[in-house]
Amino acid sequence: MGLLSREQVLAAEDVKYRDVEVPEWGGTVRVRVMSGAQRDRYEQMVEDQRSGKKVDVRGLTVALVILTLVDEEGKPLFTLADLDAVNAKNAAVINRLFRVAQELNALSEEEIEGLAGN
């Protein structure tokens, strides 16, 4: 196998997702991997909270869910402006979706704790 060209790399379909049944909400949602830009944004949020000495793990959990929930066309369902509204939803559902997002994005518990400075 030869080396990939710039065009081949940019054209590669590398976005993975998983549809998750959420009976509590009456349907299914789609969780996808973050783009590099989204991952950077998430890590910056963690760093900003850590440097302010007020790490809110709940906010970080919901933020990851928000950054990874998309519709059938891959468009975000929510923005970070929806953090409080999504955080008001069933904690068990949020945790379930967080775990799927964590797995899809290869975020280990150690990485998350390290990012949060715990």
N, C-alpha and C. Protein backbone atom coordinates (compact mmCIF):
# COMPACT_ATOMS: atom_id res chain seq x y z
N MET A 1 0.85 -1.17 0.00
CA MET A 1 0.00 0.00 0.00
C MET A 1 0.90 1.24 0.00
N GLY A 2 0.65 2.16 -0.94
CA GLY A 2 1.46 3.36 -1.05
C GLY A 2 0.99 4.46 -0.13
N LEU A 3 1.74 5.53 -0.13
CA LEU A 3 1.38 6.68 0.69
C LEU A 3 0.18 7.40 0.10
N LEU A 4 -0.67 7.92 0.97
CA LEU A 4 -1.86 8.65 0.53
C LEU A 4 -1.49 10.06 0.10
N SER A 5 -2.24 10.54 -0.86
CA SER A 5 -2.07 11.93 -1.29
C SER A 5 -2.93 12.84 -0.41
N ARG A 6 -2.72 14.12 -0.51
CA ARG A 6 -3.51 15.11 0.21
C ARG A 6 -4.99 14.94 -0.12
N GLU A 7 -5.29 14.78 -1.39
CA GLU A 7 -6.67 14.63 -1.85
C GLU A 7 -7.31 13.38 -1.28
N GLN A 8 -6.57 12.29 -1.22
CA GLN A 8 -7.10 11.05 -0.68
C GLN A 8 -7.40 11.18 0.81
N VAL A 9 -6.51 11.85 1.53
CA VAL A 9 -6.73 12.04 2.97
C VAL A 9 -7.98 12.88 3.19
N LEU A 10 -8.09 14.00 2.46
CA LEU A 10 -9.23 14.89 2.65
C LEU A 10 -10.54 14.28 2.19
N ALA A 11 -10.49 13.35 1.24
CA ALA A 11 -11.71 12.72 0.73
C ALA A 11 -12.12 11.49 1.54
N ALA A 12 -11.25 11.02 2.41
CA ALA A 12 -11.55 9.80 3.17
C ALA A 12 -12.74 10.02 4.09
N GLU A 13 -13.66 9.06 4.10
CA GLU A 13 -14.81 9.09 5.00
C GLU A 13 -14.39 8.43 6.31
N ASP A 14 -14.01 9.27 7.27
CA ASP A 14 -13.49 8.74 8.53
C ASP A 14 -14.38 9.06 9.73
N VAL A 15 -15.56 9.54 9.46
CA VAL A 15 -16.49 9.89 10.53
C VAL A 15 -17.30 8.65 10.92
N LYS A 16 -17.11 8.23 12.15
CA LYS A 16 -17.87 7.09 12.67
C LYS A 16 -18.98 7.61 13.56
N TYR A 17 -20.03 6.84 13.66
CA TYR A 17 -21.12 7.21 14.55
C TYR A 17 -21.80 5.94 15.06
N ARG A 18 -22.59 6.14 16.10
CA ARG A 18 -23.39 5.04 16.64
C ARG A 18 -24.77 5.58 16.98
N ASP A 19 -25.80 4.88 16.53
CA ASP A 19 -27.16 5.23 16.89
C ASP A 19 -27.48 4.57 18.23
N VAL A 20 -28.03 5.36 19.12
CA VAL A 20 -28.30 4.88 20.48
C VAL A 20 -29.80 5.02 20.76
N GLU A 21 -30.40 3.92 21.13
CA GLU A 21 -31.82 3.92 21.51
C GLU A 21 -31.96 4.61 22.87
N VAL A 22 -32.88 5.56 22.94
CA VAL A 22 -33.14 6.28 24.19
C VAL A 22 -34.64 6.17 24.46
N PRO A 23 -35.07 5.07 25.09
CA PRO A 23 -36.49 4.89 25.34
C PRO A 23 -37.09 6.00 26.21
N GLU A 24 -36.27 6.58 27.07
CA GLU A 24 -36.74 7.67 27.93
C GLU A 24 -37.17 8.88 27.11
N TRP A 25 -36.60 9.03 25.93
CA TRP A 25 -36.93 10.16 25.05
C TRP A 25 -37.83 9.73 23.90
N GLY A 26 -38.14 8.44 23.84
CA GLY A 26 -39.05 7.95 22.81
C GLY A 26 -38.44 7.76 21.44
N GLY A 27 -37.15 7.48 21.36
CA GLY A 27 -36.55 7.28 20.05
C GLY A 27 -35.06 7.02 20.11
N THR A 28 -34.39 7.37 19.02
CA THR A 28 -32.98 7.09 18.83
C THR A 28 -32.24 8.39 18.55
N VAL A 29 -31.03 8.50 19.07
CA VAL A 29 -30.17 9.63 18.74
C VAL A 29 -28.88 9.09 18.13
N ARG A 30 -28.18 9.96 17.42
CA ARG A 30 -26.92 9.58 16.78
C ARG A 30 -25.77 10.29 17.48
N VAL A 31 -24.78 9.50 17.89
CA VAL A 31 -23.56 10.01 18.51
C VAL A 31 -22.43 9.77 17.52
N ARG A 32 -21.62 10.82 17.26
CA ARG A 32 -20.54 10.66 16.29
C ARG A 32 -19.20 11.08 16.89
N VAL A 33 -18.15 10.73 16.19
CA VAL A 33 -16.83 11.17 16.62
C VAL A 33 -16.72 12.68 16.40
N MET A 34 -15.91 13.31 17.22
CA MET A 34 -15.68 14.74 17.07
C MET A 34 -14.66 14.98 15.96
N SER A 35 -14.76 16.12 15.33
CA SER A 35 -13.72 16.55 14.41
C SER A 35 -12.52 16.99 15.24
N GLY A 36 -11.42 17.21 14.59
CA GLY A 36 -10.26 17.73 15.29
C GLY A 36 -10.56 19.06 15.96
N ALA A 37 -11.30 19.92 15.27
CA ALA A 37 -11.65 21.23 15.83
C ALA A 37 -12.54 21.09 17.05
N GLN A 38 -13.51 20.16 17.01
CA GLN A 38 -14.38 19.95 18.16
C GLN A 38 -13.58 19.39 19.35
N ARG A 39 -12.68 18.48 19.07
CA ARG A 39 -11.86 17.90 20.14
C ARG A 39 -11.02 18.99 20.79
N ASP A 40 -10.43 19.86 19.96
CA ASP A 40 -9.65 20.98 20.50
C ASP A 40 -10.52 21.88 21.36
N ARG A 41 -11.74 22.14 20.90
CA ARG A 41 -12.65 23.00 21.65
C ARG A 41 -13.00 22.37 22.99
N TYR A 42 -13.27 21.07 22.99
CA TYR A 42 -13.59 20.37 24.23
C TYR A 42 -12.40 20.43 25.19
N GLU A 43 -11.22 20.15 24.69
CA GLU A 43 -10.04 20.18 25.54
C GLU A 43 -9.77 21.60 26.05
N GLN A 44 -10.06 22.62 25.23
CA GLN A 44 -9.89 24.00 25.68
C GLN A 44 -10.89 24.34 26.78
N MET A 45 -12.12 23.84 26.66
CA MET A 45 -13.12 24.05 27.71
C MET A 45 -12.62 23.47 29.03
N VAL A 46 -12.06 22.28 28.95
CA VAL A 46 -11.54 21.63 30.15
C VAL A 46 -10.42 22.46 30.73
N GLU A 47 -9.51 22.89 29.88
CA GLU A 47 -8.37 23.70 30.34
C GLU A 47 -8.85 25.02 30.95
N ASP A 48 -9.82 25.67 30.32
CA ASP A 48 -10.35 26.93 30.84
C ASP A 48 -10.95 26.73 32.23
N GLN A 49 -11.70 25.65 32.40
CA GLN A 49 -12.31 25.39 33.70
C GLN A 49 -11.24 25.06 34.73
N ARG A 50 -10.23 24.31 34.32
CA ARG A 50 -9.16 23.93 35.25
C ARG A 50 -8.37 25.16 35.69
N SER A 51 -8.07 26.04 34.76
CA SER A 51 -7.27 27.21 35.11
C SER A 51 -8.06 28.16 36.00
N GLY A 52 -9.39 28.11 35.90
CA GLY A 52 -10.23 28.91 36.78
C GLY A 52 -10.51 28.22 38.10
N LYS A 53 -9.93 27.04 38.29
CA LYS A 53 -10.06 26.27 39.52
C LYS A 53 -11.50 25.88 39.84
N LYS A 54 -12.35 25.82 38.82
CA LYS A 54 -13.73 25.40 39.08
C LYS A 54 -14.16 24.40 38.01
N VAL A 55 -13.60 23.22 38.11
CA VAL A 55 -13.94 22.17 37.18
C VAL A 55 -15.28 21.57 37.55
N ASP A 56 -16.22 21.66 36.65
CA ASP A 56 -17.55 21.10 36.86
C ASP A 56 -17.67 19.88 35.95
N VAL A 57 -17.43 18.72 36.51
CA VAL A 57 -17.42 17.49 35.72
C VAL A 57 -18.76 17.28 35.02
N ARG A 58 -19.86 17.69 35.68
CA ARG A 58 -21.17 17.55 35.04
C ARG A 58 -21.23 18.36 33.76
N GLY A 59 -20.70 19.57 33.80
CA GLY A 59 -20.68 20.41 32.60
C GLY A 59 -19.85 19.81 31.51
N LEU A 60 -18.74 19.17 31.88
CA LEU A 60 -17.88 18.54 30.89
C LEU A 60 -18.54 17.32 30.28
N THR A 61 -19.29 16.59 31.10
CA THR A 61 -20.02 15.43 30.60
C THR A 61 -21.06 15.86 29.57
N VAL A 62 -21.86 16.85 29.92
CA VAL A 62 -22.90 17.34 29.01
C VAL A 62 -22.29 17.97 27.77
N ALA A 63 -21.18 18.68 27.94
CA ALA A 63 -20.52 19.31 26.78
C ALA A 63 -20.10 18.26 25.76
N LEU A 64 -19.57 17.13 26.22
CA LEU A 64 -19.18 16.08 25.29
C LEU A 64 -20.40 15.53 24.57
N VAL A 65 -21.49 15.35 25.27
CA VAL A 65 -22.73 14.87 24.64
C VAL A 65 -23.19 15.88 23.59
N ILE A 66 -23.19 17.15 23.94
CA ILE A 66 -23.63 18.19 23.01
C ILE A 66 -22.76 18.21 21.75
N LEU A 67 -21.46 18.08 21.93
CA LEU A 67 -20.54 18.14 20.79
C LEU A 67 -20.63 16.91 19.88
N THR A 68 -21.29 15.86 20.35
CA THR A 68 -21.31 14.62 19.56
C THR A 68 -22.69 14.19 19.07
N LEU A 69 -23.77 14.81 19.54
CA LEU A 69 -25.10 14.45 19.05
C LEU A 69 -25.39 15.17 17.73
N VAL A 70 -25.76 14.40 16.71
CA VAL A 70 -26.03 14.96 15.39
C VAL A 70 -27.33 14.39 14.82
N ASP A 71 -27.84 15.08 13.79
CA ASP A 71 -29.02 14.56 13.10
C ASP A 71 -28.58 13.62 11.97
N GLU A 72 -29.52 13.18 11.15
CA GLU A 72 -29.22 12.22 10.08
C GLU A 72 -28.24 12.78 9.06
N GLU A 73 -28.18 14.10 8.93
CA GLU A 73 -27.26 14.73 7.97
C GLU A 73 -25.91 15.06 8.59
N GLY A 74 -25.75 14.74 9.87
CA GLY A 74 -24.49 15.02 10.56
C GLY A 74 -24.41 16.41 11.15
N LYS A 75 -25.52 17.14 11.14
CA LYS A 75 -25.54 18.48 11.71
C LYS A 75 -25.80 18.40 13.21
N PRO A 76 -25.14 19.24 14.01
CA PRO A 76 -25.32 19.19 15.46
C PRO A 76 -26.78 19.39 15.87
N LEU A 77 -27.21 18.61 16.85
CA LEU A 77 -28.55 18.80 17.42
C LEU A 77 -28.58 19.99 18.36
N PHE A 78 -27.46 20.23 19.04
CA PHE A 78 -27.39 21.28 20.05
C PHE A 78 -26.11 22.08 19.87
N THR A 79 -26.06 23.22 20.55
CA THR A 79 -24.83 24.00 20.67
C THR A 79 -24.51 24.09 22.15
N LEU A 80 -23.33 24.59 22.45
CA LEU A 80 -22.96 24.72 23.86
C LEU A 80 -23.84 25.72 24.59
N ALA A 81 -24.56 26.56 23.86
CA ALA A 81 -25.53 27.47 24.48
C ALA A 81 -26.68 26.69 25.11
N ASP A 82 -26.87 25.43 24.69
CA ASP A 82 -27.93 24.57 25.22
C ASP A 82 -27.48 23.77 26.44
N LEU A 83 -26.31 24.06 26.98
CA LEU A 83 -25.75 23.25 28.05
C LEU A 83 -26.69 23.10 29.23
N ASP A 84 -27.27 24.19 29.71
CA ASP A 84 -28.17 24.10 30.87
C ASP A 84 -29.42 23.28 30.54
N ALA A 85 -29.97 23.46 29.35
CA ALA A 85 -31.18 22.73 28.96
C ALA A 85 -30.91 21.23 28.86
N VAL A 86 -29.80 20.86 28.24
CA VAL A 86 -29.47 19.44 28.12
C VAL A 86 -29.10 18.87 29.48
N ASN A 87 -28.44 19.67 30.30
CA ASN A 87 -28.05 19.22 31.63
C ASN A 87 -29.27 18.96 32.52
N ALA A 88 -30.41 19.52 32.16
CA ALA A 88 -31.64 19.30 32.92
C ALA A 88 -32.32 17.98 32.56
N LYS A 89 -31.82 17.30 31.53
CA LYS A 89 -32.41 16.02 31.11
C LYS A 89 -31.98 14.90 32.05
N ASN A 90 -32.57 13.75 31.88
CA ASN A 90 -32.33 12.57 32.70
C ASN A 90 -30.83 12.25 32.78
N ALA A 91 -30.30 12.22 33.98
CA ALA A 91 -28.87 11.99 34.19
C ALA A 91 -28.43 10.62 33.69
N ALA A 92 -29.27 9.61 33.82
CA ALA A 92 -28.91 8.28 33.34
C ALA A 92 -28.74 8.28 31.82
N VAL A 93 -29.60 9.01 31.13
CA VAL A 93 -29.50 9.10 29.67
C VAL A 93 -28.23 9.86 29.28
N ILE A 94 -27.99 10.99 29.93
CA ILE A 94 -26.79 11.77 29.64
C ILE A 94 -25.54 10.93 29.87
N ASN A 95 -25.51 10.19 30.96
CA ASN A 95 -24.36 9.34 31.26
C ASN A 95 -24.19 8.25 30.20
N ARG A 96 -25.29 7.65 29.76
CA ARG A 96 -25.23 6.61 28.73
C ARG A 96 -24.66 7.17 27.43
N LEU A 97 -25.14 8.36 27.04
CA LEU A 97 -24.66 8.99 25.81
C LEU A 97 -23.21 9.44 25.95
N PHE A 98 -22.84 9.91 27.14
CA PHE A 98 -21.45 10.29 27.41
C PHE A 98 -20.52 9.10 27.22
N ARG A 99 -20.93 7.95 27.73
CA ARG A 99 -20.08 6.75 27.62
C ARG A 99 -19.89 6.34 26.15
N VAL A 100 -20.94 6.45 25.36
CA VAL A 100 -20.83 6.15 23.93
C VAL A 100 -19.89 7.15 23.25
N ALA A 101 -20.07 8.44 23.55
CA ALA A 101 -19.21 9.48 22.99
C ALA A 101 -17.76 9.28 23.42
N GLN A 102 -17.59 8.92 24.67
CA GLN A 102 -16.25 8.67 25.20
C GLN A 102 -15.58 7.53 24.44
N GLU A 103 -16.31 6.45 24.22
CA GLU A 103 -15.75 5.30 23.50
C GLU A 103 -15.45 5.65 22.04
N LEU A 104 -16.40 6.28 21.35
CA LEU A 104 -16.20 6.63 19.94
C LEU A 104 -15.03 7.57 19.74
N ASN A 105 -14.79 8.44 20.72
CA ASN A 105 -13.74 9.44 20.60
C ASN A 105 -12.45 9.04 21.29
N ALA A 106 -12.37 7.79 21.71
CA ALA A 106 -11.17 7.25 22.34
C ALA A 106 -10.70 8.12 23.49
N LEU A 107 -11.66 8.54 24.32
CA LEU A 107 -11.34 9.30 25.53
C LEU A 107 -11.42 8.35 26.71
N SER A 108 -10.28 7.98 27.23
CA SER A 108 -10.27 7.08 28.38
C SER A 108 -10.59 7.86 29.65
N GLU A 109 -10.94 7.15 30.70
CA GLU A 109 -11.20 7.78 32.00
C GLU A 109 -9.96 8.56 32.44
N GLU A 110 -8.78 7.97 32.21
CA GLU A 110 -7.54 8.63 32.61
C GLU A 110 -7.34 9.94 31.85
N GLU A 111 -7.66 9.94 30.54
CA GLU A 111 -7.52 11.16 29.76
C GLU A 111 -8.45 12.26 30.26
N ILE A 112 -9.69 11.88 30.52
CA ILE A 112 -10.67 12.86 30.99
C ILE A 112 -10.24 13.42 32.35
N GLU A 113 -9.82 12.53 33.24
CA GLU A 113 -9.35 13.00 34.55
C GLU A 113 -8.11 13.86 34.41
N GLY A 114 -7.21 13.48 33.49
CA GLY A 114 -6.01 14.27 33.25
C GLY A 114 -6.34 15.63 32.69
N LEU A 115 -7.28 15.67 31.75
CA LEU A 115 -7.70 16.96 31.18
C LEU A 115 -8.29 17.85 32.25
N ALA A 116 -9.08 17.24 33.13
CA ALA A 116 -9.74 18.00 34.18
C ALA A 116 -8.81 18.33 35.34
N GLY A 117 -7.61 17.77 35.33
CA GLY A 117 -6.66 18.07 36.39
C GLY A 117 -6.95 17.36 37.68
N ASN A 118 -7.72 16.27 37.63
CA ASN A 118 -8.06 15.52 38.84
C ASN A 118 -6.94 14.56 39.18
